[in-house]
Amino acid sequence: MNYQEKSAQSVAKNITIRNIILFTALVNGLAWLGPVVGGDPTTPGLGLLIWGTAPTVAALLMKFLVRDDVSLGF
């Protein structure tokens, strides 16, 4: 393995780590936004919808904002 291959792997690894951190931050931010918006277990509202869809929304935001070349899987 030459230097260019190692460098390309290092860059790919850094991008992967960045994307994982970004996804985690987005999911946690959206999940914590849910209770702030409102709703509780007895009367679920918009907050529950935000909390429940946080992973999907974060994945879609990353897909369209980060512009990586990975397919959505369908």
C-alpha atoms as a PDB file:
ATOM      1  CA  MET A   1       0.000   0.000   0.000  1.00  0.00           C
ATOM      2  CA  ASN A   2       1.514   3.297  -1.020  1.00  0.00           C
ATOM      3  CA  TYR A   3       1.221   6.722   0.558  1.00  0.00           C
ATOM      4  CA  GLN A   4      -1.673   7.890  -1.645  1.00  0.00           C
ATOM      5  CA  GLU A   5      -3.792   4.867  -0.743  1.00  0.00           C
ATOM      6  CA  LYS A   6      -3.121   5.417   2.960  1.00  0.00           C
ATOM      7  CA  SER A   7      -3.968   9.097   2.606  1.00  0.00           C
ATOM      8  CA  ALA A   8      -7.238   8.318   0.806  1.00  0.00           C
ATOM      9  CA  GLN A   9      -8.191   5.828   3.520  1.00  0.00           C
ATOM     10  CA  SER A  10      -7.391   8.387   6.198  1.00  0.00           C
ATOM     11  CA  VAL A  11      -9.576  11.012   4.526  1.00  0.00           C
ATOM     12  CA  ALA A  12     -12.434   8.517   4.129  1.00  0.00           C
ATOM     13  CA  LYS A  13     -12.115   7.534   7.786  1.00  0.00           C
ATOM     14  CA  ASN A  14     -12.211  11.183   8.883  1.00  0.00           C
ATOM     15  CA  ILE A  15     -15.312  11.838   6.769  1.00  0.00           C
ATOM     16  CA  THR A  16     -17.013   8.774   8.250  1.00  0.00           C
ATOM     17  CA  ILE A  17     -16.236   9.907  11.792  1.00  0.00           C
ATOM     18  CA  ARG A  18     -17.497  13.416  10.993  1.00  0.00           C
ATOM     19  CA  ASN A  19     -20.745  12.014   9.593  1.00  0.00           C
ATOM     20  CA  ILE A  20     -21.316   9.800  12.636  1.00  0.00           C
ATOM     21  CA  ILE A  21     -20.776  12.734  14.990  1.00  0.00           C
ATOM     22  CA  LEU A  22     -23.055  14.965  12.901  1.00  0.00           C
ATOM     23  CA  PHE A  23     -25.806  12.313  12.798  1.00  0.00           C
ATOM     24  CA  THR A  24     -25.567  11.771  16.560  1.00  0.00           C
ATOM     25  CA  ALA A  25     -25.756  15.505  17.246  1.00  0.00           C
ATOM     26  CA  LEU A  26     -28.746  15.952  14.934  1.00  0.00           C
ATOM     27  CA  VAL A  27     -30.668  13.012  16.411  1.00  0.00           C
ATOM     28  CA  ASN A  28     -30.018  14.138  19.983  1.00  0.00           C
ATOM     29  CA  GLY A  29     -30.868  17.746  19.186  1.00  0.00           C
ATOM     30  CA  LEU A  30     -34.141  16.802  17.529  1.00  0.00           C
ATOM     31  CA  ALA A  31     -34.978  14.305  20.276  1.00  0.00           C
ATOM     32  CA  TRP A  32     -34.470  16.940  22.974  1.00  0.00           C
ATOM     33  CA  LEU A  33     -36.468  19.459  20.956  1.00  0.00           C
ATOM     34  CA  GLY A  34     -39.522  17.176  21.166  1.00  0.00           C
ATOM     35  CA  PRO A  35     -40.274  17.683  24.881  1.00  0.00           C
ATOM     36  CA  VAL A  36     -39.529  21.398  24.584  1.00  0.00           C
ATOM     37  CA  VAL A  37     -42.181  21.778  21.864  1.00  0.00           C
ATOM     38  CA  GLY A  38     -44.750  20.089  24.058  1.00  0.00           C
ATOM     39  CA  GLY A  39     -46.731  16.994  24.711  1.00  0.00           C
ATOM     40  CA  ASP A  40     -46.573  14.331  27.370  1.00  0.00           C
ATOM     41  CA  PRO A  41     -47.388  10.612  27.485  1.00  0.00           C
ATOM     42  CA  THR A  42     -51.046  11.236  28.374  1.00  0.00           C
ATOM     43  CA  THR A  43     -51.625  13.738  25.557  1.00  0.00           C
ATOM     44  CA  PRO A  44     -49.019  13.228  22.847  1.00  0.00           C
ATOM     45  CA  GLY A  45     -48.601  16.143  20.498  1.00  0.00           C
ATOM     46  CA  LEU A  46     -46.120  17.638  18.087  1.00  0.00           C
ATOM     47  CA  GLY A  47     -43.241  16.896  20.465  1.00  0.00           C
ATOM     48  CA  LEU A  48     -43.830  13.150  20.210  1.00  0.00           C
ATOM     49  CA  LEU A  49     -43.868  13.367  16.422  1.00  0.00           C
ATOM     50  CA  ILE A  50     -40.557  15.253  16.407  1.00  0.00           C
ATOM     51  CA  TRP A  51     -39.020  12.797  18.867  1.00  0.00           C
ATOM     52  CA  GLY A  52     -40.229   9.761  16.922  1.00  0.00           C
ATOM     53  CA  THR A  53     -39.050  10.958  13.534  1.00  0.00           C
ATOM     54  CA  ALA A  54     -35.707  12.392  14.704  1.00  0.00           C
ATOM     55  CA  PRO A  55     -33.479   9.631  13.207  1.00  0.00           C
ATOM     56  CA  THR A  56     -35.230   9.759   9.836  1.00  0.00           C
ATOM     57  CA  VAL A  57     -35.187  13.553   9.698  1.00  0.00           C
ATOM     58  CA  ALA A  58     -31.506  13.622  10.673  1.00  0.00           C
ATOM     59  CA  ALA A  59     -30.646  11.085   7.963  1.00  0.00           C
ATOM     60  CA  LEU A  60     -32.529  13.072   5.318  1.00  0.00           C
ATOM     61  CA  LEU A  61     -30.930  16.346   6.415  1.00  0.00           C
ATOM     62  CA  MET A  62     -27.496  14.785   6.179  1.00  0.00           C
ATOM     63  CA  LYS A  63     -28.274  13.273   2.783  1.00  0.00           C
ATOM     64  CA  PHE A  64     -29.250  16.608   1.287  1.00  0.00           C
ATOM     65  CA  LEU A  65     -26.860  18.919   3.173  1.00  0.00           C
ATOM     66  CA  VAL A  66     -23.660  16.849   3.349  1.00  0.00           C
ATOM     67  CA  ARG A  67     -24.009  15.608  -0.255  1.00  0.00           C
ATOM     68  CA  ASP A  68     -22.290  12.274   0.156  1.00  0.00           C
ATOM     69  CA  ASP A  69     -22.567   9.716  -2.637  1.00  0.00           C
ATOM     70  CA  VAL A  70     -24.197   6.985  -0.551  1.00  0.00           C
ATOM     71  CA  SER A  71     -27.664   5.876  -1.632  1.00  0.00           C
ATOM     72  CA  LEU A  72     -30.635   5.961   0.712  1.00  0.00           C
ATOM     73  CA  GLY A  73     -31.055   2.218   0.351  1.00  0.00           C
ATOM     74  CA  PHE A  74     -34.065   2.052  -1.898  1.00  0.00           C
END
